[in-house]
Amino acid sequence: MTNKEMYDLRWKRVTDALALTEPDTVPLAPVVQCYPYIQAGYTMAEILYDTSLEKMKDSLVKFVNKYQPDYLFGQDYVDAGQGPSMELSGTKTIRWAGMPGNVIDDNSIHQFIEFPILEDDEYEEYFTDRTAWVLNKGLPRTSAIFEPFRNFPAKSFGLFNGAGMVAPYLTNPAFKEMQEKLEKIQALGMENRMNLEKVNAEIEAMGFPTPMKGMAAVPFDSYSDFLRGTINGLSDLYIHEEEVQAYIDEEMENQMNFIKMQGQMIPGRCVFMALHKGMDGFMSDAHYRKYYWNYLQKIICAIIDNGMIPYIYTEGKYDSRLECLKEVPKGKVIYHFEDVDMAEAKRILGDTACISGGFPVYLLDYGTKEQVIDECKRLIDVCAPGGGFIFETCYGMDYAKPENVEAMVETVREYGKR
């Protein structure tokens, strides 16, 4: 078969599973994350500082040739080539392999550093004078490059002789240095996007889909992740209800506009959504429906209405949320599970949505080949009958034993045949 024919066959397996029918074999798409790069002999530090992305491409070509996945998933979420940009920006919310000071291991995935950007006493300013808050507080708190804005008198400028009043600030050495760095970051960002598109295009030309093209987020996740932090964000459901709702309403409008724009650019592709704060135990069922599911459901429907595929990546344990996840259009959604009773997920969602994930990566890291094979068969027996199942690892298989990965791939290919 030609590469184009293999591409079409692989993507048909995925769309058959999405439509809740049985493909010729269970689709296979392990979450690759760092695995291809480490196995190709590179450190993640090298991958992050290779702005050409040649090392990324070399690693992924070797991976798809060896394992023949039905689509490539997780390769874009490692910040390949972005080390220099993050260094220039002085980001305070990420730690990455190869960063100055060797803060984390050279083979680690990036680490997100969460802390409250919006302080308890700043809500009124945030909602009434957003520009001043962002310039004086939000930006400097998240990136060192924006420190010159910390003392910028955003509140005191009038319109009369505005240029004369602003000029002394924007032309001082600190602002000039910031501008020079921003220009470098912009150039690196454009280069990175173009190189990443070339890498994915080459993988697709080899016959392997790279479907994760879009992004979306639940408003409460954005509130908790990037504004208040997890502990404060969850506490705010009780002590700052009005402010939480105001943020969600504002962000929801932004999400809807962004989804419409993506629908024009990437029709038919997957929109990836990682669910960070919806897991079991993080909030009550009532709060989950009010502040989380109510908006996640609308976003899912908007993605579908705009001609794309919602790919919902649930993080953490998700057993208590399955009944909510069922409330979506039939045969239009893929739910990926990190930690759930897959038999129960199949029972509740099997006639509504495609399910994926659930295979424990710790078996690839520490288990025997026999344990890997047995778990593959168990998962296929539970989830594959009737269709609507994609075999994926529960999360990135960074440090997996190659012999266990091979056992997983061989078992799914043979045991997963219709």
Protein backbone atom coordinates (compact mmCIF):
# COMPACT_ATOMS: atom_id res chain seq x y z
CA MET A 1 0.00 0.00 0.00
CA THR A 2 1.09 3.57 -0.62
CA ASN A 3 1.69 5.98 2.24
CA LYS A 4 -1.54 7.78 1.34
CA GLU A 5 -3.49 4.52 1.43
CA MET A 6 -1.96 3.63 4.81
CA TYR A 7 -2.83 7.10 6.11
CA ASP A 8 -6.44 6.68 5.00
CA LEU A 9 -6.64 3.18 6.53
CA ARG A 10 -5.25 4.37 9.85
CA TRP A 11 -7.52 7.40 10.01
CA LYS A 12 -10.54 5.25 9.09
CA ARG A 13 -9.82 3.10 12.13
CA VAL A 14 -9.97 6.22 14.27
CA THR A 15 -13.16 7.59 12.70
CA ASP A 16 -14.80 4.16 12.93
CA ALA A 17 -14.00 4.07 16.64
CA LEU A 18 -15.28 7.65 17.01
CA ALA A 19 -18.54 6.63 15.32
CA LEU A 20 -18.86 3.69 17.76
CA THR A 21 -18.34 0.99 15.15
CA GLU A 22 -15.68 -1.73 15.06
CA PRO A 23 -12.69 -1.03 12.81
CA ASP A 24 -10.63 -3.82 11.23
CA THR A 25 -8.40 -3.70 14.31
CA VAL A 26 -8.30 -1.74 17.54
CA PRO A 27 -6.61 1.61 16.78
CA LEU A 28 -3.28 1.98 18.55
CA ALA A 29 -1.84 5.35 19.60
CA PRO A 30 0.33 5.33 22.73
CA VAL A 31 0.98 8.75 24.26
CA VAL A 32 4.61 9.15 23.20
CA GLN A 33 5.72 12.29 25.09
CA CYS A 34 9.48 11.89 25.83
CA TYR A 35 9.84 8.23 24.78
CA PRO A 36 10.86 8.69 21.10
CA TYR A 37 13.49 11.29 21.97
CA ILE A 38 15.09 9.33 24.79
CA GLN A 39 15.11 6.15 22.73
CA ALA A 40 16.74 7.98 19.82
CA GLY A 41 19.63 8.85 22.12
CA TYR A 42 18.82 12.47 22.88
CA THR A 43 18.21 14.15 26.21
CA MET A 44 15.10 16.29 26.60
CA ALA A 45 17.43 19.22 27.22
CA GLU A 46 18.83 18.70 23.72
CA ILE A 47 15.33 18.50 22.28
CA LEU A 48 14.27 21.74 23.98
CA TYR A 49 17.32 23.67 22.79
CA ASP A 50 17.37 22.35 19.20
CA THR A 51 15.50 25.18 17.49
CA SER A 52 15.78 23.47 14.10
CA LEU A 53 13.67 20.55 15.44
CA GLU A 54 15.89 18.17 13.43
CA LYS A 55 16.44 16.00 16.52
CA MET A 56 12.69 15.93 17.11
CA LYS A 57 12.07 14.86 13.52
CA ASP A 58 14.77 12.19 13.62
CA SER A 59 13.27 10.74 16.81
CA LEU A 60 9.69 10.68 15.55
CA VAL A 61 10.59 9.17 12.18
CA LYS A 62 12.37 6.33 13.97
CA PHE A 63 9.40 5.87 16.32
CA VAL A 64 6.68 5.64 13.67
CA ASN A 65 8.77 3.38 11.46
CA LYS A 66 9.37 0.99 14.34
CA TYR A 67 5.95 0.92 16.02
CA GLN A 68 3.53 1.86 13.21
CA PRO A 69 0.93 3.69 15.34
CA ASP A 70 -2.44 4.62 13.90
CA TYR A 71 -1.73 8.24 14.78
CA LEU A 72 1.02 10.14 16.53
CA PHE A 73 -0.01 11.64 19.85
CA GLY A 74 1.86 13.57 22.52
CA GLN A 75 4.84 14.60 20.42
CA ASP A 76 3.90 18.29 20.39
CA TYR A 77 3.51 18.78 24.13
CA VAL A 78 7.18 18.70 25.19
CA ASP A 79 8.16 22.29 24.21
CA ALA A 80 10.63 21.08 21.59
CA GLY A 81 12.91 23.91 20.47
CA GLN A 82 11.46 26.39 22.96
CA GLY A 83 14.24 26.44 25.56
CA PRO A 84 15.86 29.65 24.23
CA SER A 85 12.51 31.48 24.13
CA MET A 86 11.62 30.47 27.68
CA GLU A 87 15.07 31.54 28.81
CA LEU A 88 14.69 34.95 27.14
CA SER A 89 11.25 35.48 28.68
CA GLY A 90 12.41 34.49 32.15
CA THR A 91 9.16 32.61 32.69
CA LYS A 92 8.42 32.03 36.37
CA THR A 93 5.72 29.38 35.88
CA ILE A 94 7.71 26.67 34.07
CA ARG A 95 10.82 24.65 34.84
CA TRP A 96 12.32 22.88 31.84
CA ALA A 97 15.12 20.48 30.97
CA GLY A 98 18.35 22.31 30.19
CA MET A 99 17.36 25.59 31.82
CA PRO A 100 20.10 27.58 33.55
CA GLY A 101 20.97 26.07 36.90
CA ASN A 102 19.90 22.54 35.91
CA VAL A 103 16.83 22.87 38.10
CA ILE A 104 15.23 19.65 36.82
CA ASP A 105 16.62 16.48 35.26
CA ASP A 106 17.83 16.70 31.66
CA ASN A 107 15.32 14.00 30.69
CA SER A 108 12.32 15.43 32.50
CA ILE A 109 9.16 16.73 30.91
CA HIS A 110 8.62 20.40 31.72
CA GLN A 111 7.22 21.20 35.16
CA PHE A 112 4.48 23.79 35.68
CA ILE A 113 4.95 25.97 38.75
CA GLU A 114 1.57 27.05 40.08
CA PHE A 115 1.06 29.98 42.43
CA PRO A 116 -1.57 32.71 42.82
CA ILE A 117 -1.01 35.46 40.27
CA LEU A 118 -4.14 37.29 41.42
CA GLU A 119 -3.95 38.08 45.14
CA ASP A 120 -6.91 37.99 47.54
CA ASP A 121 -7.28 41.76 47.71
CA GLU A 122 -7.00 42.45 43.97
CA TYR A 123 -10.36 41.33 42.60
CA GLU A 124 -11.80 44.83 42.33
CA GLU A 125 -8.74 46.07 40.44
CA TYR A 126 -8.74 42.98 38.20
CA PHE A 127 -12.35 43.48 37.13
CA THR A 128 -12.39 47.29 36.95
CA ASP A 129 -8.89 48.18 35.70
CA ARG A 130 -7.63 45.10 33.90
CA THR A 131 -4.97 46.92 31.88
CA ALA A 132 -3.23 48.36 34.93
CA TRP A 133 -3.41 45.04 36.79
CA VAL A 134 -1.97 43.07 33.85
CA LEU A 135 0.84 45.54 33.20
CA ASN A 136 1.86 46.26 36.81
CA LYS A 137 1.19 42.86 38.38
CA GLY A 138 0.11 40.00 36.12
CA LEU A 139 2.90 40.14 33.54
CA PRO A 140 5.82 40.84 35.94
CA ARG A 141 4.66 38.05 38.25
CA THR A 142 4.74 35.47 35.46
CA SER A 143 7.80 36.50 33.39
CA ALA A 144 10.98 38.35 34.33
CA ILE A 145 11.08 40.01 30.92
CA PHE A 146 8.12 42.17 31.97
CA GLU A 147 9.69 43.50 35.18
CA PRO A 148 9.98 47.01 33.61
CA PHE A 149 6.19 47.21 33.66
CA ARG A 150 6.05 46.76 37.44
CA ASN A 151 6.49 50.51 38.05
CA PHE A 152 4.87 51.70 34.84
CA PRO A 153 2.28 54.35 35.92
CA ALA A 154 -0.61 52.82 33.98
CA LYS A 155 -3.24 54.51 36.13
CA SER A 156 -1.95 58.07 35.94
CA PHE A 157 -1.65 58.89 32.24
CA GLY A 158 -4.07 61.33 30.70
CA LEU A 159 -4.83 61.74 27.03
CA PHE A 160 -3.35 65.23 26.76
CA ASN A 161 0.30 64.98 25.71
CA GLY A 162 0.08 61.21 26.18
CA ALA A 163 3.10 60.56 23.96
CA GLY A 164 5.23 62.96 25.93
CA MET A 165 4.22 61.34 29.20
CA VAL A 166 4.77 57.77 28.02
CA ALA A 167 8.01 58.32 26.10
CA PRO A 168 10.34 58.55 29.13
CA TYR A 169 9.21 55.14 30.32
CA LEU A 170 9.12 53.23 27.04
CA THR A 171 12.48 54.56 25.87
CA ASN A 172 14.53 53.86 28.97
CA PRO A 173 17.20 51.10 28.80
CA ALA A 174 15.10 48.50 30.62
CA PHE A 175 12.23 48.84 28.15
CA LYS A 176 14.60 48.83 25.19
CA GLU A 177 16.14 45.58 26.43
CA MET A 178 12.65 44.11 26.90
CA GLN A 179 11.72 45.08 23.32
CA GLU A 180 14.87 43.49 21.92
CA LYS A 181 14.14 40.25 23.76
CA LEU A 182 10.51 40.25 22.62
CA GLU A 183 11.62 40.62 19.00
CA LYS A 184 13.92 37.61 19.42
CA ILE A 185 11.11 35.62 21.07
CA GLN A 186 8.75 36.48 18.21
CA ALA A 187 11.27 35.36 15.60
CA LEU A 188 11.98 32.13 17.48
CA GLY A 189 8.25 31.50 17.88
CA MET A 190 7.56 31.88 14.18
CA GLU A 191 10.50 29.60 13.36
CA ASN A 192 9.28 27.02 15.87
CA ARG A 193 5.73 26.97 14.50
CA MET A 194 6.95 26.58 10.92
CA ASN A 195 9.41 23.83 11.83
CA LEU A 196 6.79 21.99 13.87
CA GLU A 197 4.36 22.11 10.95
CA LYS A 198 7.10 20.70 8.70
CA VAL A 199 7.83 17.85 11.12
CA ASN A 200 4.15 16.89 11.40
CA ALA A 201 3.69 17.22 7.63
CA GLU A 202 6.60 14.84 7.05
CA ILE A 203 5.16 12.32 9.50
CA GLU A 204 1.77 12.55 7.76
CA ALA A 205 3.43 12.10 4.34
CA MET A 206 4.86 8.84 5.71
CA GLY A 207 1.29 7.66 6.30
CA PHE A 208 0.74 8.53 9.97
CA PRO A 209 -1.96 11.06 11.01
CA THR A 210 -1.07 13.80 13.50
CA PRO A 211 -4.64 14.85 14.32
CA MET A 212 -4.20 16.99 17.47
CA LYS A 213 -4.25 20.44 15.89
CA GLY A 214 -6.60 22.49 18.08
CA MET A 215 -6.72 23.52 21.73
CA ALA A 216 -9.45 24.52 24.16
CA ALA A 217 -9.79 24.85 27.94
CA VAL A 218 -12.48 24.75 30.58
CA PRO A 219 -12.75 28.29 32.04
CA PHE A 220 -12.42 27.08 35.64
CA ASP A 221 -9.17 25.32 34.73
CA SER A 222 -7.77 28.58 33.38
CA TYR A 223 -8.92 30.40 36.52
CA SER A 224 -7.31 27.85 38.81
CA ASP A 225 -4.18 27.10 36.75
CA PHE A 226 -3.13 30.57 35.71
CA LEU A 227 -4.80 33.06 38.04
CA ARG A 228 -5.40 31.71 41.54
CA GLY A 229 -3.72 28.30 41.92
CA THR A 230 -5.43 25.05 42.87
CA ILE A 231 -5.96 25.58 46.60
CA ASN A 232 -7.16 29.16 46.23
CA GLY A 233 -9.22 28.33 43.16
CA LEU A 234 -11.16 25.61 44.93
CA SER A 235 -11.57 27.69 48.08
CA ASP A 236 -12.91 30.53 45.96
CA LEU A 237 -15.95 28.40 45.07
CA TYR A 238 -17.08 29.14 48.63
CA ILE A 239 -15.70 32.60 49.39
CA HIS A 240 -15.49 34.32 45.99
CA GLU A 241 -18.43 32.81 44.11
CA GLU A 242 -19.35 36.00 42.26
CA GLU A 243 -15.79 36.63 41.12
CA VAL A 244 -15.35 33.03 39.96
CA GLN A 245 -18.58 33.26 37.96
CA ALA A 246 -17.58 36.61 36.45
CA TYR A 247 -14.25 35.17 35.29
CA ILE A 248 -15.91 32.05 33.86
CA ASP A 249 -18.48 34.08 31.90
CA GLU A 250 -15.74 36.27 30.42
CA GLU A 251 -13.45 33.37 29.56
CA MET A 252 -16.31 31.34 28.09
CA GLU A 253 -16.90 34.03 25.50
CA ASN A 254 -13.19 33.95 24.61
CA GLN A 255 -13.27 30.17 24.26
CA MET A 256 -16.28 30.24 21.95
CA ASN A 257 -14.64 32.81 19.68
CA PHE A 258 -11.40 30.81 19.63
CA ILE A 259 -13.24 27.61 18.72
CA LYS A 260 -14.99 29.33 15.81
CA MET A 261 -11.64 30.57 14.50
CA GLN A 262 -10.12 27.08 14.77
CA GLY A 263 -13.09 25.59 12.93
CA GLN A 264 -12.20 27.72 9.93
CA MET A 265 -8.53 26.72 10.06
CA ILE A 266 -8.52 23.01 10.99
CA PRO A 267 -11.87 21.44 10.02
CA GLY A 268 -12.03 17.71 10.71
CA ARG A 269 -9.12 17.75 13.13
CA CYS A 270 -9.07 17.06 16.86
CA VAL A 271 -9.29 19.79 19.48
CA PHE A 272 -7.31 18.70 22.53
CA MET A 273 -8.64 19.59 25.98
CA ALA A 274 -6.81 18.58 29.14
CA LEU A 275 -9.12 18.59 32.18
CA HIS A 276 -7.01 19.67 35.14
CA LYS A 277 -9.39 20.36 38.03
CA GLY A 278 -12.46 18.22 37.30
CA MET A 279 -11.23 14.97 38.81
CA ASP A 280 -12.95 13.06 41.60
CA GLY A 281 -12.71 14.76 44.97
CA PHE A 282 -11.58 18.17 43.76
CA MET A 283 -15.08 19.60 44.02
CA SER A 284 -18.55 18.44 44.97
CA ASP A 285 -20.93 17.01 42.39
CA ALA A 286 -23.00 20.19 42.60
CA HIS A 287 -19.97 22.42 42.08
CA TYR A 288 -18.72 20.20 39.26
CA ARG A 289 -21.98 20.60 37.37
CA LYS A 290 -22.30 24.32 38.07
CA TYR A 291 -18.75 25.53 37.50
CA TYR A 292 -17.19 22.80 35.36
CA TRP A 293 -19.40 20.44 33.41
CA ASN A 294 -21.90 23.10 32.43
CA TYR A 295 -19.14 24.84 30.45
CA LEU A 296 -17.20 21.78 29.32
CA GLN A 297 -20.39 20.41 27.78
CA LYS A 298 -21.03 23.67 25.87
CA ILE A 299 -17.43 23.75 24.62
CA ILE A 300 -17.67 20.14 23.44
CA CYS A 301 -20.84 20.93 21.50
CA ALA A 302 -19.28 24.08 20.03
CA ILE A 303 -16.27 22.08 18.80
CA ILE A 304 -18.62 19.61 17.12
CA ASP A 305 -20.79 22.37 15.65
CA ASN A 306 -17.67 23.94 14.15
CA GLY A 307 -16.72 20.74 12.34
CA MET A 308 -13.98 19.41 14.61
CA ILE A 309 -13.52 16.44 16.95
CA PRO A 310 -13.43 17.05 20.73
CA TYR A 311 -10.60 15.04 22.26
CA ILE A 312 -11.11 15.26 26.03
CA TYR A 313 -8.08 14.25 28.09
CA THR A 314 -9.25 13.62 31.65
CA GLU A 315 -6.52 13.93 34.26
CA GLY A 316 -6.67 12.09 37.57
CA LYS A 317 -9.42 9.78 38.76
CA TYR A 318 -12.71 10.25 36.91
CA ASP A 319 -15.11 7.55 38.10
CA SER A 320 -17.69 9.90 39.61
CA ARG A 321 -17.94 12.10 36.50
CA LEU A 322 -18.93 9.46 33.94
CA GLU A 323 -22.66 10.18 34.03
CA CYS A 324 -21.97 13.81 33.16
CA LEU A 325 -19.63 12.85 30.32
CA LYS A 326 -22.47 10.89 28.77
CA GLU A 327 -24.44 14.10 28.09
CA VAL A 328 -22.94 14.82 24.66
CA PRO A 329 -23.92 14.12 21.03
CA LYS A 330 -23.57 10.45 20.14
CA GLY A 331 -20.53 9.30 18.16
CA LYS A 332 -18.77 12.67 18.12
CA VAL A 333 -16.43 12.72 21.13
CA ILE A 334 -13.25 10.94 22.25
CA TYR A 335 -12.66 10.67 26.01
CA HIS A 336 -9.16 9.76 27.12
CA PHE A 337 -8.84 8.36 30.66
CA GLU A 338 -5.81 8.43 32.89
CA ASP A 339 -7.39 6.72 35.90
CA VAL A 340 -10.86 5.24 35.70
CA ASP A 341 -12.62 1.89 35.93
CA MET A 342 -12.52 1.20 32.18
CA ALA A 343 -15.24 -1.44 32.42
CA GLU A 344 -17.54 1.10 34.03
CA ALA A 345 -16.53 3.75 31.47
CA LYS A 346 -17.45 1.32 28.70
CA ARG A 347 -20.77 0.49 30.35
CA ILE A 348 -21.82 4.10 30.82
CA LEU A 349 -20.29 5.72 27.73
CA GLY A 350 -20.14 2.83 25.28
CA ASP A 351 -23.26 3.84 23.35
CA THR A 352 -22.35 7.55 23.39
CA ALA A 353 -18.65 8.29 23.08
CA CYS A 354 -15.36 6.70 22.07
CA ILE A 355 -13.12 5.90 25.04
CA SER A 356 -9.33 5.61 25.12
CA GLY A 357 -6.43 5.37 27.54
CA GLY A 358 -6.51 3.40 30.75
CA PHE A 359 -3.39 1.33 30.06
CA PRO A 360 -1.07 1.85 33.06
CA VAL A 361 2.33 3.21 32.04
CA TYR A 362 3.89 1.87 35.24
CA LEU A 363 3.65 -1.62 33.69
CA LEU A 364 5.76 -0.42 30.76
CA ASP A 365 8.26 1.09 33.22
CA TYR A 366 8.46 -1.66 35.82
CA GLY A 367 6.36 -4.66 34.76
CA THR A 368 7.21 -7.86 32.95
CA LYS A 369 6.33 -8.62 29.34
CA GLU A 370 3.76 -11.13 30.58
CA GLN A 371 2.06 -8.50 32.75
CA VAL A 372 1.98 -6.08 29.82
CA ILE A 373 0.46 -8.70 27.53
CA ASP A 374 -2.15 -9.74 30.08
CA GLU A 375 -3.24 -6.15 30.73
CA CYS A 376 -3.46 -5.41 27.00
CA LYS A 377 -5.75 -8.39 26.50
CA ARG A 378 -7.87 -7.52 29.52
CA LEU A 379 -8.35 -3.95 28.34
CA ILE A 380 -9.26 -5.06 24.81
CA ASP A 381 -11.70 -7.67 26.14
CA VAL A 382 -13.41 -5.03 28.29
CA CYS A 383 -13.46 -2.07 25.93
CA ALA A 384 -13.25 -3.20 22.30
CA PRO A 385 -16.48 -5.22 21.75
CA GLY A 386 -18.94 -3.23 19.68
CA GLY A 387 -16.35 -0.57 18.78
CA GLY A 388 -15.78 2.86 20.27
CA PHE A 389 -12.32 2.13 21.71
CA ILE A 390 -8.81 3.41 20.94
CA PHE A 391 -5.86 1.79 22.69
CA GLU A 392 -3.75 4.51 24.31
CA THR A 393 -1.47 4.57 27.31
CA CYS A 394 -2.91 6.40 30.31
CA TYR A 395 -0.28 9.14 29.95
CA GLY A 396 3.16 9.70 28.43
CA MET A 397 5.37 6.62 28.36
CA ASP A 398 8.59 8.59 28.90
CA TYR A 399 10.87 6.00 30.50
CA ALA A 400 9.22 2.76 29.35
CA LYS A 401 11.27 -0.36 28.70
CA PRO A 402 11.49 -0.84 24.91
CA GLU A 403 10.82 -4.57 25.24
CA ASN A 404 7.58 -3.82 27.07
CA VAL A 405 6.51 -1.27 24.48
CA GLU A 406 7.15 -3.84 21.76
CA ALA A 407 5.10 -6.41 23.68
CA MET A 408 2.23 -3.92 24.00
CA VAL A 409 2.26 -3.04 20.31
CA GLU A 410 2.47 -6.66 19.15
CA THR A 411 -0.34 -7.75 21.47
CA VAL A 412 -2.72 -4.96 20.44
CA ARG A 413 -2.04 -5.62 16.76
CA GLU A 414 -2.66 -9.35 17.02
CA TYR A 415 -5.28 -9.59 19.78
CA GLY A 416 -7.13 -6.47 18.67
CA LYS A 417 -8.02 -7.77 15.21
CA ARG A 418 -11.74 -8.01 14.51
